[in-house]
Amino acid sequence: MRAMTLPRVAIVLSLAMPVVLGGCKPKAIRGGEGTENPDLDEGAMGTGLDRKDLADLMKTNMTALMASPAWASWRNGQPPVVAIWPIKNDTSEHLDDQMLTLLSDMETELINSGVVSVVSRERQAEMIAEANLQQTGDFNPAMAAQIGRQIGAQYFITGKLQAVDERFDKERRVQYTLFLQVLEVESSIVKFQTKSERSKAIVR
């Protein structure tokens, strides 16, 4: 059999190349409960906070709240009216969408507990706009008391997210802390406080 010349070899390789490359194209996969990849969200993509991190931090704090004396007193009496003040983001990350999801998850868990009556966050925003006030992540007791009276809330649940970023050589570790507080509207007395922690690292 006569050997192929260099031009013929080049033609054959060029024709075969799409077949080879076609097998390497990206593939979209579905993950989460009820799919073929239920643990897809378990792996970290970086040192930033993701949806699973925030859900875990919130769950830890809510579990502590529901085991606290403050919660027990609510369970044994008339359901109090609570409102959720924005969680202050003290990290350098842009987490607006993730923080909204965090607040929605917190609101859902409080409502479903049946122990407290929860002011809708949408209604809360409307009342703040009507009163010409601006609600921010910073908890201002005087402003909170005025807003509380407007929306009929007896307690505010609020908190803050902080981070400590450490670097050494090519390694990086970020330690996140989510604080949660329950404050009485009229007195600003802290009725409950807790925190949860999560560390993420890149190690080479």
N, C-alpha and C. Protein backbone atom coordinates (compact mmCIF):
# COMPACT_ATOMS: atom_id res chain seq x y z
N MET A 1 0.86 -1.19 0.00
CA MET A 1 0.00 0.00 0.00
C MET A 1 0.90 1.24 0.00
N ARG A 2 0.56 2.20 -0.87
CA ARG A 2 1.38 3.39 -0.98
C ARG A 2 1.10 4.34 0.19
N ALA A 3 2.14 4.85 0.81
CA ALA A 3 1.99 5.78 1.94
C ALA A 3 1.36 7.08 1.47
N MET A 4 0.55 7.68 2.37
CA MET A 4 -0.09 8.95 2.04
C MET A 4 0.94 10.07 2.06
N THR A 5 0.80 10.97 1.15
CA THR A 5 1.68 12.14 1.12
C THR A 5 1.25 13.10 2.24
N LEU A 6 2.09 14.07 2.57
CA LEU A 6 1.79 15.03 3.63
C LEU A 6 0.51 15.80 3.38
N PRO A 7 0.23 16.27 2.14
CA PRO A 7 -1.04 16.97 1.93
C PRO A 7 -2.25 16.10 2.22
N ARG A 8 -2.16 14.79 1.84
CA ARG A 8 -3.30 13.90 2.11
C ARG A 8 -3.49 13.68 3.62
N VAL A 9 -2.37 13.55 4.34
CA VAL A 9 -2.45 13.39 5.80
C VAL A 9 -3.12 14.60 6.42
N ALA A 10 -2.77 15.77 5.95
CA ALA A 10 -3.36 17.00 6.48
C ALA A 10 -4.86 17.05 6.23
N ILE A 11 -5.29 16.61 5.05
CA ILE A 11 -6.72 16.60 4.72
C ILE A 11 -7.47 15.64 5.62
N VAL A 12 -6.91 14.43 5.82
CA VAL A 12 -7.56 13.42 6.66
C VAL A 12 -7.69 13.94 8.09
N LEU A 13 -6.63 14.54 8.62
CA LEU A 13 -6.67 15.06 9.99
C LEU A 13 -7.68 16.19 10.13
N SER A 14 -7.77 17.06 9.12
CA SER A 14 -8.71 18.16 9.19
C SER A 14 -10.14 17.67 9.17
N LEU A 15 -10.40 16.59 8.45
CA LEU A 15 -11.75 16.02 8.41
C LEU A 15 -12.10 15.31 9.72
N ALA A 16 -11.09 14.73 10.38
CA ALA A 16 -11.35 14.00 11.62
C ALA A 16 -11.44 14.92 12.82
N MET A 17 -10.84 16.10 12.72
CA MET A 17 -10.78 17.02 13.86
C MET A 17 -12.15 17.37 14.43
N PRO A 18 -13.18 17.71 13.61
CA PRO A 18 -14.50 18.03 14.19
C PRO A 18 -15.08 16.89 14.99
N VAL A 19 -14.80 15.63 14.55
CA VAL A 19 -15.32 14.47 15.29
C VAL A 19 -14.69 14.40 16.66
N VAL A 20 -13.34 14.63 16.70
CA VAL A 20 -12.63 14.58 17.98
C VAL A 20 -13.09 15.70 18.89
N LEU A 21 -13.13 16.92 18.34
CA LEU A 21 -13.53 18.07 19.14
C LEU A 21 -14.99 18.00 19.55
N GLY A 22 -15.81 17.39 18.72
CA GLY A 22 -17.23 17.28 19.03
C GLY A 22 -17.49 16.52 20.31
N GLY A 23 -16.58 15.57 20.64
CA GLY A 23 -16.77 14.81 21.86
C GLY A 23 -16.34 15.56 23.10
N CYS A 24 -15.74 16.76 22.96
CA CYS A 24 -15.23 17.52 24.10
C CYS A 24 -16.05 18.76 24.41
N LYS A 25 -17.16 18.97 23.72
CA LYS A 25 -17.92 20.19 23.95
C LYS A 25 -18.58 20.17 25.33
N PRO A 26 -18.80 21.33 25.93
CA PRO A 26 -19.40 21.39 27.28
C PRO A 26 -20.77 20.72 27.30
N LYS A 27 -21.08 20.16 28.44
CA LYS A 27 -22.36 19.47 28.62
C LYS A 27 -23.08 20.07 29.82
N ALA A 28 -24.31 20.47 29.62
CA ALA A 28 -25.10 21.01 30.73
C ALA A 28 -25.69 19.87 31.53
N ILE A 29 -25.62 19.99 32.85
CA ILE A 29 -26.20 18.96 33.71
C ILE A 29 -27.15 19.60 34.72
N ARG A 30 -28.07 18.81 35.20
CA ARG A 30 -29.05 19.28 36.18
C ARG A 30 -28.69 18.69 37.53
N GLY A 31 -28.74 19.55 38.58
CA GLY A 31 -28.41 19.06 39.90
C GLY A 31 -29.46 19.41 40.93
N GLY A 32 -29.36 18.81 42.10
CA GLY A 32 -30.32 19.06 43.18
C GLY A 32 -31.17 17.84 43.48
N GLU A 33 -31.99 17.98 44.49
CA GLU A 33 -32.84 16.87 44.92
C GLU A 33 -33.74 16.40 43.78
N GLY A 34 -33.80 15.09 43.59
CA GLY A 34 -34.66 14.51 42.57
C GLY A 34 -34.04 14.45 41.19
N THR A 35 -32.74 14.77 41.07
CA THR A 35 -32.06 14.71 39.78
C THR A 35 -30.97 13.64 39.82
N GLU A 36 -30.29 13.49 38.68
CA GLU A 36 -29.21 12.50 38.62
C GLU A 36 -27.95 12.98 39.32
N ASN A 37 -27.92 14.24 39.73
CA ASN A 37 -26.77 14.80 40.45
C ASN A 37 -27.23 15.50 41.73
N PRO A 38 -27.72 14.74 42.70
CA PRO A 38 -28.28 15.37 43.91
C PRO A 38 -27.26 16.13 44.74
N ASP A 39 -25.96 15.84 44.58
CA ASP A 39 -24.93 16.50 45.39
C ASP A 39 -24.18 17.58 44.62
N LEU A 40 -24.77 18.05 43.54
CA LEU A 40 -24.07 19.03 42.70
C LEU A 40 -23.72 20.31 43.46
N ASP A 41 -24.57 20.74 44.38
CA ASP A 41 -24.34 21.98 45.11
C ASP A 41 -23.38 21.82 46.28
N GLU A 42 -22.96 20.59 46.56
CA GLU A 42 -22.09 20.36 47.71
C GLU A 42 -20.68 20.92 47.49
N GLY A 43 -20.19 20.84 46.27
CA GLY A 43 -18.84 21.29 45.98
C GLY A 43 -18.74 22.80 45.92
N ALA A 44 -17.65 23.35 46.44
CA ALA A 44 -17.44 24.81 46.41
C ALA A 44 -16.75 25.19 45.10
N MET A 45 -17.18 26.30 44.51
CA MET A 45 -16.57 26.80 43.28
C MET A 45 -15.50 27.85 43.57
N GLY A 46 -15.45 28.34 44.80
CA GLY A 46 -14.47 29.35 45.18
C GLY A 46 -14.63 29.69 46.65
N THR A 47 -14.01 30.79 47.08
CA THR A 47 -14.09 31.18 48.48
C THR A 47 -15.28 32.09 48.77
N GLY A 48 -16.02 32.48 47.73
CA GLY A 48 -17.19 33.33 47.95
C GLY A 48 -18.36 32.54 48.51
N LEU A 49 -19.29 33.25 49.15
CA LEU A 49 -20.47 32.60 49.69
C LEU A 49 -21.42 32.24 48.56
N ASP A 50 -21.93 31.02 48.58
CA ASP A 50 -22.93 30.61 47.60
C ASP A 50 -24.25 30.34 48.30
N ARG A 51 -25.24 29.90 47.53
CA ARG A 51 -26.58 29.69 48.08
C ARG A 51 -26.58 28.66 49.21
N LYS A 52 -25.80 27.59 49.05
CA LYS A 52 -25.75 26.56 50.09
C LYS A 52 -25.12 27.10 51.37
N ASP A 53 -24.05 27.89 51.25
CA ASP A 53 -23.41 28.47 52.44
C ASP A 53 -24.40 29.30 53.24
N LEU A 54 -25.12 30.21 52.56
CA LEU A 54 -26.06 31.08 53.24
C LEU A 54 -27.22 30.30 53.83
N ALA A 55 -27.68 29.27 53.12
CA ALA A 55 -28.77 28.44 53.64
C ALA A 55 -28.33 27.72 54.91
N ASP A 56 -27.10 27.21 54.92
CA ASP A 56 -26.59 26.51 56.11
C ASP A 56 -26.42 27.46 57.28
N LEU A 57 -25.87 28.65 57.02
CA LEU A 57 -25.69 29.64 58.08
C LEU A 57 -27.04 30.05 58.67
N MET A 58 -28.01 30.31 57.82
CA MET A 58 -29.33 30.70 58.28
C MET A 58 -30.00 29.58 59.08
N LYS A 59 -29.88 28.35 58.60
CA LYS A 59 -30.51 27.21 59.28
C LYS A 59 -29.96 27.04 60.68
N THR A 60 -28.64 27.18 60.83
CA THR A 60 -28.02 27.05 62.16
C THR A 60 -28.56 28.11 63.11
N ASN A 61 -28.66 29.35 62.65
CA ASN A 61 -29.15 30.43 63.50
C ASN A 61 -30.63 30.27 63.84
N MET A 62 -31.43 29.85 62.86
CA MET A 62 -32.86 29.68 63.11
C MET A 62 -33.12 28.52 64.07
N THR A 63 -32.31 27.49 63.99
CA THR A 63 -32.44 26.36 64.92
C THR A 63 -32.14 26.83 66.34
N ALA A 64 -31.10 27.67 66.50
CA ALA A 64 -30.77 28.21 67.82
C ALA A 64 -31.88 29.11 68.33
N LEU A 65 -32.46 29.92 67.46
CA LEU A 65 -33.56 30.80 67.86
C LEU A 65 -34.74 29.99 68.38
N MET A 66 -35.09 28.94 67.66
CA MET A 66 -36.27 28.15 68.02
C MET A 66 -36.04 27.28 69.25
N ALA A 67 -34.80 27.21 69.73
CA ALA A 67 -34.50 26.49 70.96
C ALA A 67 -34.26 27.44 72.13
N SER A 68 -34.47 28.74 71.91
CA SER A 68 -34.15 29.75 72.91
C SER A 68 -35.32 30.03 73.86
N PRO A 69 -35.04 30.60 75.04
CA PRO A 69 -36.11 31.00 75.96
C PRO A 69 -37.07 32.02 75.35
N ALA A 70 -36.54 32.91 74.50
CA ALA A 70 -37.41 33.91 73.85
C ALA A 70 -38.47 33.22 73.00
N TRP A 71 -38.06 32.22 72.26
CA TRP A 71 -39.00 31.48 71.40
C TRP A 71 -40.01 30.71 72.25
N ALA A 72 -39.53 30.13 73.35
CA ALA A 72 -40.42 29.38 74.24
C ALA A 72 -41.51 30.29 74.81
N SER A 73 -41.13 31.53 75.16
CA SER A 73 -42.12 32.47 75.70
C SER A 73 -43.14 32.84 74.63
N TRP A 74 -42.71 32.95 73.38
CA TRP A 74 -43.64 33.24 72.29
C TRP A 74 -44.58 32.06 72.06
N ARG A 75 -44.03 30.86 72.17
CA ARG A 75 -44.85 29.66 71.93
C ARG A 75 -45.95 29.52 72.98
N ASN A 76 -45.66 29.96 74.20
CA ASN A 76 -46.60 29.77 75.30
C ASN A 76 -47.57 30.93 75.47
N GLY A 77 -47.43 31.97 74.68
CA GLY A 77 -48.31 33.13 74.81
C GLY A 77 -48.98 33.48 73.49
N GLN A 78 -49.47 34.70 73.44
CA GLN A 78 -50.08 35.20 72.21
C GLN A 78 -49.00 35.39 71.15
N PRO A 79 -49.21 34.88 69.94
CA PRO A 79 -48.17 35.01 68.90
C PRO A 79 -47.78 36.48 68.68
N PRO A 80 -46.53 36.82 68.87
CA PRO A 80 -46.10 38.21 68.66
C PRO A 80 -45.99 38.53 67.17
N VAL A 81 -46.02 39.80 66.86
CA VAL A 81 -45.83 40.25 65.48
C VAL A 81 -44.36 40.60 65.29
N VAL A 82 -43.70 39.93 64.36
CA VAL A 82 -42.28 40.18 64.11
C VAL A 82 -42.09 40.65 62.67
N ALA A 83 -41.05 41.43 62.46
CA ALA A 83 -40.68 41.90 61.13
C ALA A 83 -39.20 41.62 60.94
N ILE A 84 -38.81 41.42 59.71
CA ILE A 84 -37.41 41.14 59.40
C ILE A 84 -36.74 42.40 58.86
N TRP A 85 -35.74 42.87 59.61
CA TRP A 85 -34.95 44.01 59.15
C TRP A 85 -33.84 43.45 58.25
N PRO A 86 -33.43 44.17 57.21
CA PRO A 86 -32.37 43.65 56.32
C PRO A 86 -31.12 43.22 57.08
N ILE A 87 -30.53 42.13 56.61
CA ILE A 87 -29.25 41.67 57.17
C ILE A 87 -28.14 42.53 56.56
N LYS A 88 -27.33 43.16 57.41
CA LYS A 88 -26.26 44.01 56.92
C LYS A 88 -25.11 43.18 56.38
N ASN A 89 -24.68 43.48 55.17
CA ASN A 89 -23.55 42.79 54.57
C ASN A 89 -22.27 43.58 54.81
N ASP A 90 -21.47 43.11 55.77
CA ASP A 90 -20.21 43.78 56.10
C ASP A 90 -19.02 43.17 55.37
N THR A 91 -19.28 42.30 54.40
CA THR A 91 -18.20 41.71 53.62
C THR A 91 -17.93 42.58 52.39
N SER A 92 -16.89 42.24 51.65
CA SER A 92 -16.56 42.98 50.43
C SER A 92 -17.27 42.38 49.21
N GLU A 93 -18.06 41.34 49.43
CA GLU A 93 -18.74 40.67 48.32
C GLU A 93 -20.06 41.34 47.99
N HIS A 94 -20.42 41.30 46.72
CA HIS A 94 -21.71 41.80 46.27
C HIS A 94 -22.71 40.64 46.36
N LEU A 95 -23.56 40.70 47.37
CA LEU A 95 -24.45 39.56 47.66
C LEU A 95 -25.92 39.98 47.69
N ASP A 96 -26.27 40.99 46.93
CA ASP A 96 -27.64 41.50 47.00
C ASP A 96 -28.68 40.41 46.73
N ASP A 97 -28.50 39.67 45.64
CA ASP A 97 -29.47 38.63 45.30
C ASP A 97 -29.48 37.51 46.33
N GLN A 98 -28.28 37.11 46.77
CA GLN A 98 -28.20 36.04 47.77
C GLN A 98 -28.82 36.46 49.09
N MET A 99 -28.65 37.74 49.48
CA MET A 99 -29.22 38.21 50.73
C MET A 99 -30.74 38.27 50.67
N LEU A 100 -31.28 38.61 49.51
CA LEU A 100 -32.74 38.60 49.35
C LEU A 100 -33.28 37.18 49.50
N THR A 101 -32.55 36.21 48.94
CA THR A 101 -32.96 34.81 49.10
C THR A 101 -32.88 34.39 50.55
N LEU A 102 -31.83 34.83 51.25
CA LEU A 102 -31.68 34.52 52.68
C LEU A 102 -32.87 35.05 53.48
N LEU A 103 -33.26 36.30 53.23
CA LEU A 103 -34.38 36.90 53.95
C LEU A 103 -35.69 36.18 53.62
N SER A 104 -35.87 35.77 52.37
CA SER A 104 -37.07 35.05 51.98
C SER A 104 -37.15 33.70 52.67
N ASP A 105 -36.01 33.01 52.76
CA ASP A 105 -35.98 31.72 53.46
C ASP A 105 -36.28 31.89 54.94
N MET A 106 -35.74 32.94 55.55
CA MET A 106 -36.01 33.21 56.95
C MET A 106 -37.49 33.51 57.17
N GLU A 107 -38.05 34.34 56.29
CA GLU A 107 -39.47 34.69 56.38
C GLU A 107 -40.34 33.43 56.27
N THR A 108 -40.00 32.56 55.33
CA THR A 108 -40.77 31.33 55.13
C THR A 108 -40.74 30.45 56.36
N GLU A 109 -39.56 30.30 56.96
CA GLU A 109 -39.44 29.43 58.14
C GLU A 109 -40.22 30.00 59.33
N LEU A 110 -40.17 31.32 59.50
CA LEU A 110 -40.92 31.95 60.59
C LEU A 110 -42.42 31.77 60.40
N ILE A 111 -42.89 31.99 59.18
CA ILE A 111 -44.32 31.85 58.90
C ILE A 111 -44.78 30.42 59.14
N ASN A 112 -44.02 29.48 58.63
CA ASN A 112 -44.42 28.08 58.73
C ASN A 112 -44.31 27.52 60.15
N SER A 113 -43.59 28.22 61.02
CA SER A 113 -43.49 27.75 62.41
C SER A 113 -44.84 27.83 63.13
N GLY A 114 -45.67 28.81 62.74
CA GLY A 114 -46.95 29.00 63.40
C GLY A 114 -46.86 29.63 64.77
N VAL A 115 -45.64 30.00 65.20
CA VAL A 115 -45.43 30.55 66.54
C VAL A 115 -45.53 32.07 66.53
N VAL A 116 -45.16 32.69 65.41
CA VAL A 116 -45.17 34.15 65.32
C VAL A 116 -45.99 34.58 64.10
N SER A 117 -46.46 35.83 64.18
CA SER A 117 -47.09 36.45 63.02
C SER A 117 -46.03 37.33 62.35
N VAL A 118 -45.88 37.19 61.05
CA VAL A 118 -44.79 37.86 60.34
C VAL A 118 -45.33 38.93 59.41
N VAL A 119 -44.77 40.14 59.53
CA VAL A 119 -45.13 41.23 58.63
C VAL A 119 -44.50 40.96 57.27
N SER A 120 -45.30 41.01 56.22
CA SER A 120 -44.78 40.81 54.87
C SER A 120 -43.69 41.83 54.57
N ARG A 121 -42.58 41.38 54.02
CA ARG A 121 -41.49 42.31 53.71
C ARG A 121 -41.91 43.30 52.63
N GLU A 122 -42.78 42.88 51.73
CA GLU A 122 -43.29 43.80 50.71
C GLU A 122 -44.14 44.90 51.35
N ARG A 123 -45.01 44.51 52.30
CA ARG A 123 -45.84 45.49 52.99
C ARG A 123 -44.98 46.41 53.85
N GLN A 124 -43.94 45.86 54.44
CA GLN A 124 -43.02 46.64 55.25
C GLN A 124 -42.36 47.73 54.39
N ALA A 125 -41.94 47.37 53.18
CA ALA A 125 -41.32 48.34 52.27
C ALA A 125 -42.30 49.43 51.87
N GLU A 126 -43.56 49.05 51.67
CA GLU A 126 -44.60 50.04 51.32
C GLU A 126 -44.80 51.05 52.44
N MET A 127 -44.88 50.55 53.67
CA MET A 127 -45.10 51.42 54.82
C MET A 127 -43.91 52.37 55.03
N ILE A 128 -42.70 51.87 54.80
CA ILE A 128 -41.51 52.69 54.94
C ILE A 128 -41.53 53.82 53.90
N ALA A 129 -41.94 53.45 52.66
CA ALA A 129 -42.01 54.47 51.61
C ALA A 129 -43.07 55.52 51.94
N GLU A 130 -44.21 55.08 52.47
CA GLU A 130 -45.28 56.02 52.83
C GLU A 130 -44.85 56.97 53.93
N ALA A 131 -44.00 56.47 54.83
CA ALA A 131 -43.53 57.31 55.95
C ALA A 131 -42.29 58.12 55.57
N ASN A 132 -41.89 58.03 54.28
CA ASN A 132 -40.72 58.75 53.79
C ASN A 132 -39.45 58.38 54.55
N LEU A 133 -39.34 57.10 54.89
CA LEU A 133 -38.15 56.61 55.58
C LEU A 133 -37.37 55.69 54.64
N GLN A 134 -36.12 55.46 54.97
CA GLN A 134 -35.30 54.56 54.18
C GLN A 134 -34.75 53.48 55.09
N GLN A 135 -35.11 52.24 54.76
CA GLN A 135 -34.63 51.13 55.57
C GLN A 135 -33.32 50.61 54.99
N THR A 136 -32.30 50.51 55.82
CA THR A 136 -31.00 50.03 55.37
C THR A 136 -30.58 48.85 56.24
N GLY A 137 -29.36 48.36 55.97
CA GLY A 137 -28.85 47.26 56.78
C GLY A 137 -28.47 47.68 58.18
N ASP A 138 -28.25 48.99 58.39
CA ASP A 138 -27.91 49.48 59.73
C ASP A 138 -29.17 49.59 60.58
N PHE A 139 -29.17 48.97 61.75
CA PHE A 139 -30.34 49.01 62.62
C PHE A 139 -30.29 50.29 63.45
N ASN A 140 -31.19 51.21 63.15
CA ASN A 140 -31.30 52.47 63.87
C ASN A 140 -32.49 52.36 64.82
N PRO A 141 -32.26 52.34 66.15
CA PRO A 141 -33.35 52.12 67.10
C PRO A 141 -34.51 53.10 66.96
N ALA A 142 -34.20 54.40 66.77
CA ALA A 142 -35.26 55.39 66.66
C ALA A 142 -36.09 55.15 65.39
N MET A 143 -35.39 54.89 64.29
CA MET A 143 -36.09 54.63 63.04
C MET A 143 -36.88 53.33 63.13
N ALA A 144 -36.27 52.31 63.78
CA ALA A 144 -36.93 51.02 63.91
C ALA A 144 -38.22 51.15 64.72
N ALA A 145 -38.19 51.96 65.79
CA ALA A 145 -39.39 52.14 66.61
C ALA A 145 -40.50 52.80 65.79
N GLN A 146 -40.13 53.78 64.97
CA GLN A 146 -41.14 54.46 64.14
C GLN A 146 -41.71 53.50 63.10
N ILE A 147 -40.81 52.75 62.46
CA ILE A 147 -41.27 51.78 61.46
C ILE A 147 -42.10 50.69 62.11
N GLY A 148 -41.65 50.26 63.30
CA GLY A 148 -42.39 49.21 64.02
C GLY A 148 -43.81 49.62 64.32
N ARG A 149 -43.98 50.87 64.73
CA ARG A 149 -45.34 51.35 65.00
C ARG A 149 -46.16 51.40 63.71
N GLN A 150 -45.52 51.77 62.62
CA GLN A 150 -46.22 51.85 61.34
C GLN A 150 -46.73 50.48 60.88
N ILE A 151 -45.92 49.46 61.10
CA ILE A 151 -46.29 48.12 60.59
C ILE A 151 -46.85 47.21 61.68
N GLY A 152 -46.91 47.71 62.92
CA GLY A 152 -47.48 46.92 64.00
C GLY A 152 -46.58 45.82 64.53
N ALA A 153 -45.26 45.96 64.33
CA ALA A 153 -44.33 44.93 64.78
C ALA A 153 -43.91 45.14 66.22
N GLN A 154 -43.83 44.06 66.98
CA GLN A 154 -43.34 44.11 68.36
C GLN A 154 -41.86 43.79 68.45
N TYR A 155 -41.37 43.00 67.48
CA TYR A 155 -39.97 42.60 67.46
C TYR A 155 -39.42 42.69 66.04
N PHE A 156 -38.13 42.99 65.96
CA PHE A 156 -37.41 42.94 64.70
C PHE A 156 -36.39 41.81 64.79
N ILE A 157 -36.28 41.06 63.71
CA ILE A 157 -35.19 40.09 63.58
C ILE A 157 -34.21 40.67 62.57
N THR A 158 -32.97 40.82 62.98
CA THR A 158 -31.97 41.44 62.11
C THR A 158 -30.63 40.76 62.33
N GLY A 159 -29.61 41.26 61.68
CA GLY A 159 -28.29 40.67 61.85
C GLY A 159 -27.28 41.28 60.91
N LYS A 160 -26.12 40.66 60.84
CA LYS A 160 -25.08 41.14 59.95
C LYS A 160 -24.18 39.97 59.54
N LEU A 161 -23.59 40.14 58.37
CA LEU A 161 -22.69 39.13 57.82
C LEU A 161 -21.30 39.73 57.75
N GLN A 162 -20.32 39.05 58.34
CA GLN A 162 -18.95 39.54 58.36
C GLN A 162 -17.99 38.49 57.81
N ALA A 163 -16.80 38.95 57.40
CA ALA A 163 -15.82 38.03 56.84
C ALA A 163 -14.41 38.45 57.24
N VAL A 164 -13.55 37.45 57.47
CA VAL A 164 -12.13 37.67 57.72
C VAL A 164 -11.37 36.92 56.62
N ASP A 165 -10.59 37.66 55.84
CA ASP A 165 -9.89 37.10 54.69
C ASP A 165 -8.41 36.95 55.02
N GLU A 166 -7.90 35.72 54.94
CA GLU A 166 -6.49 35.45 55.25
C GLU A 166 -5.80 34.87 54.02
N ARG A 167 -4.58 35.32 53.76
CA ARG A 167 -3.80 34.81 52.63
C ARG A 167 -2.38 34.49 53.09
N PHE A 168 -1.86 33.37 52.58
CA PHE A 168 -0.48 32.99 52.86
C PHE A 168 0.06 32.28 51.64
N ASP A 169 1.11 32.87 51.05
CA ASP A 169 1.69 32.33 49.83
C ASP A 169 0.58 32.23 48.77
N LYS A 170 0.27 31.04 48.29
CA LYS A 170 -0.78 30.87 47.27
C LYS A 170 -2.08 30.32 47.86
N GLU A 171 -2.14 30.28 49.18
CA GLU A 171 -3.34 29.76 49.82
C GLU A 171 -4.19 30.92 50.33
N ARG A 172 -5.50 30.67 50.40
CA ARG A 172 -6.44 31.69 50.86
C ARG A 172 -7.54 31.03 51.68
N ARG A 173 -7.90 31.68 52.79
CA ARG A 173 -9.01 31.21 53.61
C ARG A 173 -9.88 32.40 54.00
N VAL A 174 -11.18 32.24 53.84
CA VAL A 174 -12.12 33.28 54.25
C VAL A 174 -13.06 32.69 55.29
N GLN A 175 -13.14 33.35 56.44
CA GLN A 175 -14.02 32.89 57.52
C GLN A 175 -15.22 33.84 57.60
N TYR A 176 -16.42 33.29 57.42
CA TYR A 176 -17.65 34.06 57.42
C TYR A 176 -18.42 33.83 58.72
N THR A 177 -19.04 34.89 59.22
CA THR A 177 -19.87 34.80 60.41
C THR A 177 -21.20 35.50 60.15
N LEU A 178 -22.29 34.81 60.40
CA LEU A 178 -23.61 35.40 60.30
C LEU A 178 -24.19 35.56 61.70
N PHE A 179 -24.37 36.81 62.13
CA PHE A 179 -24.98 37.10 63.43
C PHE A 179 -26.48 37.29 63.25
N LEU A 180 -27.24 36.86 64.25
CA LEU A 180 -28.69 37.06 64.22
C LEU A 180 -29.14 37.61 65.57
N GLN A 181 -30.01 38.62 65.55
CA GLN A 181 -30.53 39.23 66.77
C GLN A 181 -32.05 39.35 66.70
N VAL A 182 -32.67 39.28 67.87
CA VAL A 182 -34.08 39.63 68.02
C VAL A 182 -34.13 40.82 68.96
N LEU A 183 -34.69 41.93 68.49
CA LEU A 183 -34.77 43.15 69.30
C LEU A 183 -36.21 43.55 69.52
N GLU A 184 -36.50 43.97 70.74
CA GLU A 184 -37.82 44.49 71.06
C GLU A 184 -37.93 45.89 70.45
N VAL A 185 -39.01 46.15 69.73
CA VAL A 185 -39.14 47.39 68.98
C VAL A 185 -39.10 48.63 69.88
N GLU A 186 -39.90 48.65 70.91
CA GLU A 186 -40.04 49.85 71.72
C GLU A 186 -38.80 50.16 72.57
N SER A 187 -38.15 49.13 73.08
CA SER A 187 -37.03 49.35 74.00
C SER A 187 -35.65 49.12 73.38
N SER A 188 -35.60 48.46 72.22
CA SER A 188 -34.35 48.07 71.56
C SER A 188 -33.55 47.07 72.39
N ILE A 189 -34.20 46.45 73.37
CA ILE A 189 -33.55 45.42 74.18
C ILE A 189 -33.33 44.17 73.32
N VAL A 190 -32.11 43.62 73.40
CA VAL A 190 -31.81 42.40 72.66
C VAL A 190 -32.39 41.21 73.41
N LYS A 191 -33.34 40.53 72.79
CA LYS A 191 -34.00 39.38 73.42
C LYS A 191 -33.32 38.06 73.09
N PHE A 192 -32.55 38.07 72.00
CA PHE A 192 -31.86 36.85 71.58
C PHE A 192 -30.73 37.24 70.64
N GLN A 193 -29.62 36.49 70.72
CA GLN A 193 -28.51 36.72 69.81
C GLN A 193 -27.73 35.43 69.62
N THR A 194 -27.33 35.18 68.40
CA THR A 194 -26.55 33.97 68.10
C THR A 194 -25.71 34.22 66.87
N LYS A 195 -24.86 33.26 66.53
CA LYS A 195 -24.06 33.38 65.32
C LYS A 195 -23.77 31.99 64.76
N SER A 196 -23.49 31.95 63.46
CA SER A 196 -23.05 30.72 62.81
C SER A 196 -21.85 31.05 61.96
N GLU A 197 -21.00 30.06 61.70
CA GLU A 197 -19.74 30.31 61.02
C GLU A 197 -19.52 29.32 59.87
N ARG A 198 -18.82 29.80 58.86
CA ARG A 198 -18.48 28.96 57.71
C ARG A 198 -17.14 29.43 57.17
N SER A 199 -16.21 28.50 56.95
CA SER A 199 -14.91 28.82 56.37
C SER A 199 -14.81 28.21 54.98
N LYS A 200 -14.16 28.97 54.08
CA LYS A 200 -13.92 28.47 52.73
C LYS A 200 -12.47 28.77 52.39
N ALA A 201 -11.83 27.86 51.66
CA ALA A 201 -10.40 28.03 51.38
C ALA A 201 -10.05 27.52 50.00
N ILE A 202 -8.98 28.08 49.48
CA ILE A 202 -8.34 27.57 48.27
C ILE A 202 -6.94 27.13 48.67
N VAL A 203 -6.68 25.85 48.52
CA VAL A 203 -5.38 25.27 48.93
C VAL A 203 -4.73 24.64 47.70
N ARG A 204 -3.49 24.96 47.49
CA ARG A 204 -2.76 24.41 46.33
C ARG A 204 -1.81 23.31 46.78
